[in-house]
Amino acid sequence: MASAHDRRTRLLELLAARGRLDVDEAAHALDVSPATIRRDLDELARQQLLQRTRGGAVSAEVAYDLPLRYKAARAAEEKQRIAAAAAALAEPGMSVGLNGGTTTTEVARELAGRPDLTVVTNAVNIAAELTVRPTIKIVMTGGVARPNSYELIGPLAAATLQELWLDLAILGVDALDAAFGAAAGHEGEAAVNRLMAERSARVVVVADASKLGTRAFARICPIARIATLVTDSAAGEERLAPFREAGLSIIQA
């Protein structure tokens, strides 16, 4: 039987896709009892991730933007391989920008043992993990924290980045399209990520195959601003071809 975490993640995904869930339908889809689904929905409602109704649930706004703790278990092995390949691009003495997200969190863990790096981030979880590493200098932006992504956004974050220059920005994205560019689902996150890209000599996007050829609400940067795409082996040549044509260097992990 799937863990409670996995069930609840799947319920949120179904709810985001359908907008409404029926207890019996969800029980059938997840192959568990209706009582189990009711308990899961009650817990997700307690966390304000959905709204309970008689016989099921309807989506709350945040159901479309799953919190980081629910995203972390998805495609974990692929994210770790992508992270290792991206982290290998950072050389001693570099200043490296990291935005928030599950893949960039894995990148931060790969960077943790590297000597003589300065890491600039607007993600409070990444800063917390790297602060205790003596070989890493951490610079954290100000800003208002978003609970879903642990990212700091707003004018205070922008003011910090305006004063810095980065050798490398490694950015996680919600979508990457050869015509539209890199994008995020939240405009506040996109604005800070855009500035991080603008303040960097080289931009690397880390994205698994599911995000390629898709678009999200707010653009981070055009495709021409991106030097390298690091993705997984599931991305076929048909999906990668538009990015090669746009001039991106592609690393498949």
Protein backbone atom coordinates (compact mmCIF):
# COMPACT_ATOMS: atom_id res chain seq x y z
CA MET A 1 0.00 0.00 0.00
CA ALA A 2 1.22 3.51 -0.83
CA SER A 3 2.30 5.74 2.04
CA ALA A 4 0.05 8.50 3.33
CA HIS A 5 2.39 11.05 1.76
CA ASP A 6 2.15 9.39 -1.67
CA ARG A 7 -1.64 9.06 -1.45
CA ARG A 8 -2.12 12.69 -0.50
CA THR A 9 0.23 13.87 -3.22
CA ARG A 10 -1.75 11.85 -5.75
CA LEU A 11 -5.03 13.25 -4.41
CA LEU A 12 -3.76 16.80 -4.85
CA GLU A 13 -2.65 16.01 -8.39
CA LEU A 14 -6.05 14.54 -9.25
CA LEU A 15 -7.78 17.52 -7.71
CA ALA A 16 -5.61 19.98 -9.62
CA ALA A 17 -6.48 18.20 -12.87
CA ARG A 18 -10.23 17.82 -12.23
CA GLY A 19 -11.14 20.65 -9.88
CA ARG A 20 -13.38 18.33 -7.86
CA LEU A 21 -13.04 14.87 -6.29
CA ASP A 22 -15.60 12.29 -5.21
CA VAL A 23 -14.60 10.01 -2.34
CA ASP A 24 -15.67 6.80 -4.07
CA GLU A 25 -13.98 7.74 -7.36
CA ALA A 26 -10.77 8.64 -5.54
CA ALA A 27 -10.86 5.40 -3.58
CA HIS A 28 -11.16 3.45 -6.82
CA ALA A 29 -8.37 5.44 -8.50
CA LEU A 30 -5.97 4.89 -5.59
CA ASP A 31 -7.19 1.36 -4.76
CA VAL A 32 -7.87 2.13 -1.09
CA SER A 33 -10.98 2.28 1.06
CA PRO A 34 -13.32 5.29 1.09
CA ALA A 35 -12.57 5.69 4.80
CA THR A 36 -8.88 6.12 4.00
CA ILE A 37 -9.68 8.75 1.37
CA ARG A 38 -11.90 10.64 3.84
CA ARG A 39 -9.09 10.76 6.39
CA ASP A 40 -6.63 11.94 3.74
CA LEU A 41 -9.01 14.65 2.52
CA ASP A 42 -9.64 15.78 6.08
CA GLU A 43 -5.91 16.11 6.69
CA LEU A 44 -5.36 18.02 3.44
CA ALA A 45 -8.25 20.32 4.32
CA ARG A 46 -6.65 20.93 7.72
CA GLN A 47 -3.52 22.05 5.86
CA GLN A 48 -5.71 24.34 3.72
CA LEU A 49 -4.72 22.52 0.54
CA LEU A 50 -8.33 21.82 -0.49
CA GLN A 51 -11.90 22.45 0.59
CA ARG A 52 -14.00 19.55 1.86
CA THR A 53 -17.49 19.06 0.49
CA ARG A 54 -20.23 16.56 1.19
CA GLY A 55 -18.89 13.40 -0.43
CA GLY A 56 -15.53 14.75 -1.55
CA ALA A 57 -13.50 17.92 -2.05
CA VAL A 58 -13.01 20.86 -4.36
CA SER A 59 -9.76 22.58 -5.19
CA ALA A 60 -8.40 25.50 -3.26
CA GLU A 61 -6.17 27.92 -5.14
CA VAL A 62 -3.03 26.41 -3.64
CA ALA A 63 -3.93 22.94 -4.91
CA TYR A 64 -2.58 23.98 -8.29
CA ASP A 65 0.80 24.86 -6.79
CA LEU A 66 1.77 21.89 -4.65
CA PRO A 67 3.94 22.72 -1.66
CA LEU A 68 7.58 21.73 -1.88
CA ARG A 69 7.19 19.00 0.73
CA TYR A 70 4.67 17.23 -1.54
CA LYS A 71 6.76 17.61 -4.69
CA ALA A 72 9.98 16.31 -3.17
CA ALA A 73 9.26 12.59 -3.61
CA ARG A 74 8.40 12.83 -7.31
CA ALA A 75 11.06 11.60 -9.77
CA ALA A 76 13.62 11.75 -6.97
CA GLU A 77 16.30 9.68 -8.76
CA GLU A 78 16.04 11.74 -11.94
CA LYS A 79 16.32 14.97 -9.96
CA GLN A 80 19.44 13.71 -8.19
CA ARG A 81 21.12 12.84 -11.49
CA ILE A 82 20.19 16.20 -12.97
CA ALA A 83 21.48 17.94 -9.84
CA ALA A 84 24.84 16.15 -9.93
CA ALA A 85 25.37 17.11 -13.57
CA ALA A 86 24.42 20.74 -12.94
CA ALA A 87 26.57 21.04 -9.81
CA ALA A 88 29.58 19.81 -11.81
CA LEU A 89 29.41 23.08 -13.78
CA ALA A 90 30.31 25.11 -10.67
CA GLU A 91 34.04 25.70 -10.26
CA PRO A 92 35.93 26.81 -7.13
CA GLY A 93 35.76 30.54 -6.56
CA MET A 94 32.47 30.97 -8.40
CA SER A 95 29.40 32.81 -7.20
CA VAL A 96 26.38 30.59 -7.91
CA GLY A 97 22.72 31.59 -7.80
CA LEU A 98 20.05 29.05 -6.85
CA ASN A 99 16.32 29.63 -6.81
CA GLY A 100 13.87 27.45 -4.91
CA GLY A 101 12.51 24.05 -5.92
CA THR A 102 13.09 20.36 -5.45
CA THR A 103 15.74 20.03 -8.18
CA THR A 104 17.72 23.08 -7.07
CA THR A 105 17.56 21.78 -3.49
CA GLU A 106 19.29 18.66 -4.77
CA VAL A 107 21.83 20.86 -6.57
CA ALA A 108 22.55 22.62 -3.26
CA ARG A 109 23.22 19.26 -1.61
CA GLU A 110 25.64 18.37 -4.40
CA LEU A 111 27.43 21.70 -3.92
CA ALA A 112 27.67 21.27 -0.16
CA GLY A 113 31.07 19.58 -0.24
CA ARG A 114 32.63 21.84 -2.86
CA PRO A 115 35.42 24.20 -1.78
CA ASP A 116 35.38 27.98 -2.09
CA LEU A 117 31.91 28.72 -3.42
CA THR A 118 29.57 31.62 -2.79
CA VAL A 119 25.92 30.59 -3.10
CA VAL A 120 23.26 33.27 -3.50
CA THR A 121 19.71 32.06 -2.96
CA ASN A 122 16.20 33.26 -2.24
CA ALA A 123 15.20 29.81 -0.92
CA VAL A 124 15.13 29.59 2.87
CA ASN A 125 15.46 25.78 2.91
CA ILE A 126 18.58 25.88 0.73
CA ALA A 127 20.14 28.58 2.91
CA ALA A 128 19.40 26.54 6.03
CA GLU A 129 21.07 23.43 4.60
CA LEU A 130 24.20 25.21 3.39
CA THR A 131 24.75 27.62 6.27
CA VAL A 132 26.43 24.88 8.33
CA ARG A 133 28.89 24.05 5.52
CA PRO A 134 32.20 25.77 6.28
CA THR A 135 33.40 25.80 2.66
CA ILE A 136 30.27 27.58 1.39
CA LYS A 137 29.56 31.28 1.79
CA ILE A 138 25.80 31.85 1.81
CA VAL A 139 24.18 35.10 0.70
CA MET A 140 20.43 35.19 1.16
CA THR A 141 18.06 37.71 -0.35
CA GLY A 142 15.44 39.46 1.70
CA GLY A 143 11.79 39.27 0.81
CA VAL A 144 8.45 37.74 1.72
CA ALA A 145 8.41 33.94 2.06
CA ARG A 146 6.04 31.80 -0.02
CA PRO A 147 5.11 28.68 1.98
CA ASN A 148 4.63 26.57 -1.15
CA SER A 149 8.17 26.96 -2.46
CA TYR A 150 10.12 28.40 0.51
CA GLU A 151 11.20 31.22 -1.83
CA LEU A 152 11.57 34.87 -0.82
CA ILE A 153 9.96 37.23 -3.31
CA GLY A 154 9.16 40.91 -3.68
CA PRO A 155 11.08 44.22 -3.67
CA LEU A 156 13.47 43.24 -0.88
CA ALA A 157 14.65 40.18 -2.81
CA ALA A 158 15.03 42.25 -5.95
CA ALA A 159 17.01 44.95 -4.13
CA THR A 160 19.60 42.39 -2.97
CA LEU A 161 20.05 40.86 -6.41
CA GLN A 162 20.42 44.27 -8.05
CA GLU A 163 23.64 44.75 -6.09
CA LEU A 164 25.23 41.41 -7.03
CA TRP A 165 26.90 39.71 -9.99
CA LEU A 166 26.87 35.93 -10.42
CA ASP A 167 29.14 33.67 -12.41
CA LEU A 168 26.45 31.04 -12.73
CA ALA A 169 22.71 30.85 -12.09
CA ILE A 170 21.17 27.39 -11.80
CA LEU A 171 17.42 27.76 -12.07
CA GLY A 172 14.60 25.31 -11.54
CA VAL A 173 11.53 26.09 -13.64
CA ASP A 174 7.91 24.99 -13.90
CA ALA A 175 8.03 24.93 -17.70
CA LEU A 176 10.46 25.39 -20.58
CA ASP A 177 9.34 26.18 -24.11
CA ALA A 178 11.63 27.01 -27.02
CA ALA A 179 9.42 29.92 -28.10
CA PHE A 180 8.22 31.28 -24.75
CA GLY A 181 11.31 30.52 -22.67
CA ALA A 182 11.58 29.47 -19.02
CA ALA A 183 8.53 30.07 -16.87
CA ALA A 184 7.08 29.74 -13.38
CA GLY A 185 3.53 29.37 -12.18
CA HIS A 186 3.73 32.34 -9.81
CA GLU A 187 4.53 35.83 -11.09
CA GLY A 188 6.37 36.86 -7.90
CA GLU A 189 8.75 33.92 -8.13
CA ALA A 190 9.24 34.52 -11.85
CA ALA A 191 10.22 38.15 -11.22
CA VAL A 192 12.95 37.25 -8.72
CA ASN A 193 14.19 34.37 -10.86
CA ARG A 194 14.29 36.68 -13.88
CA LEU A 195 16.51 39.10 -12.03
CA MET A 196 18.78 36.27 -10.91
CA ALA A 197 19.17 35.28 -14.57
CA GLU A 198 19.86 38.87 -15.61
CA ARG A 199 22.56 39.25 -12.97
CA SER A 200 24.41 36.11 -14.08
CA ALA A 201 27.11 35.50 -16.68
CA ARG A 202 25.72 32.06 -17.47
CA VAL A 203 22.22 30.63 -16.94
CA VAL A 204 21.65 26.90 -16.53
CA VAL A 205 18.12 25.50 -16.38
CA VAL A 206 17.51 22.20 -14.59
CA ALA A 207 14.28 20.53 -15.70
CA ASP A 208 13.08 16.96 -16.04
CA ALA A 209 11.56 15.78 -19.31
CA SER A 210 7.98 16.44 -18.20
CA LYS A 211 8.60 20.21 -18.19
CA LEU A 212 10.05 20.45 -21.67
CA GLY A 213 7.83 21.88 -24.39
CA THR A 214 5.36 23.25 -21.82
CA ARG A 215 4.40 26.76 -20.71
CA ALA A 216 3.54 28.27 -17.34
CA PHE A 217 1.90 31.55 -16.37
CA ALA A 218 4.86 33.90 -15.90
CA ARG A 219 8.04 34.05 -17.96
CA ILE A 220 11.37 33.98 -16.17
CA CYS A 221 13.56 34.65 -19.20
CA PRO A 222 13.61 34.10 -22.97
CA ILE A 223 15.29 31.01 -24.34
CA ALA A 224 18.17 33.13 -25.69
CA ARG A 225 19.22 33.98 -22.13
CA ILE A 226 19.78 30.30 -21.28
CA ALA A 227 23.17 28.73 -22.03
CA THR A 228 22.62 25.16 -20.85
CA LEU A 229 19.73 22.79 -20.22
CA VAL A 230 20.31 19.88 -17.84
CA THR A 231 17.58 17.27 -18.11
CA ASP A 232 17.08 13.53 -17.71
CA SER A 233 17.46 10.61 -20.09
CA ALA A 234 13.68 10.38 -20.61
CA ALA A 235 13.79 13.46 -22.85
CA GLY A 236 13.77 12.15 -26.41
CA GLU A 237 15.44 13.86 -29.35
CA GLU A 238 12.11 15.09 -30.71
CA ARG A 239 11.52 16.98 -27.47
CA LEU A 240 15.09 18.26 -27.30
CA ALA A 241 15.42 19.33 -30.95
CA PRO A 242 13.79 22.80 -30.54
CA PHE A 243 16.22 23.63 -27.74
CA ARG A 244 19.23 22.49 -29.77
CA GLU A 245 18.01 24.65 -32.67
CA ALA A 246 17.77 27.59 -30.24
CA GLY A 247 21.45 27.15 -29.43
CA LEU A 248 21.27 25.59 -25.98
CA SER A 249 23.94 23.21 -24.79
CA ILE A 250 22.13 20.11 -23.52
CA ILE A 251 23.29 17.71 -20.82
CA GLN A 252 21.26 14.55 -20.23
CA ALA A 253 21.85 12.92 -16.87
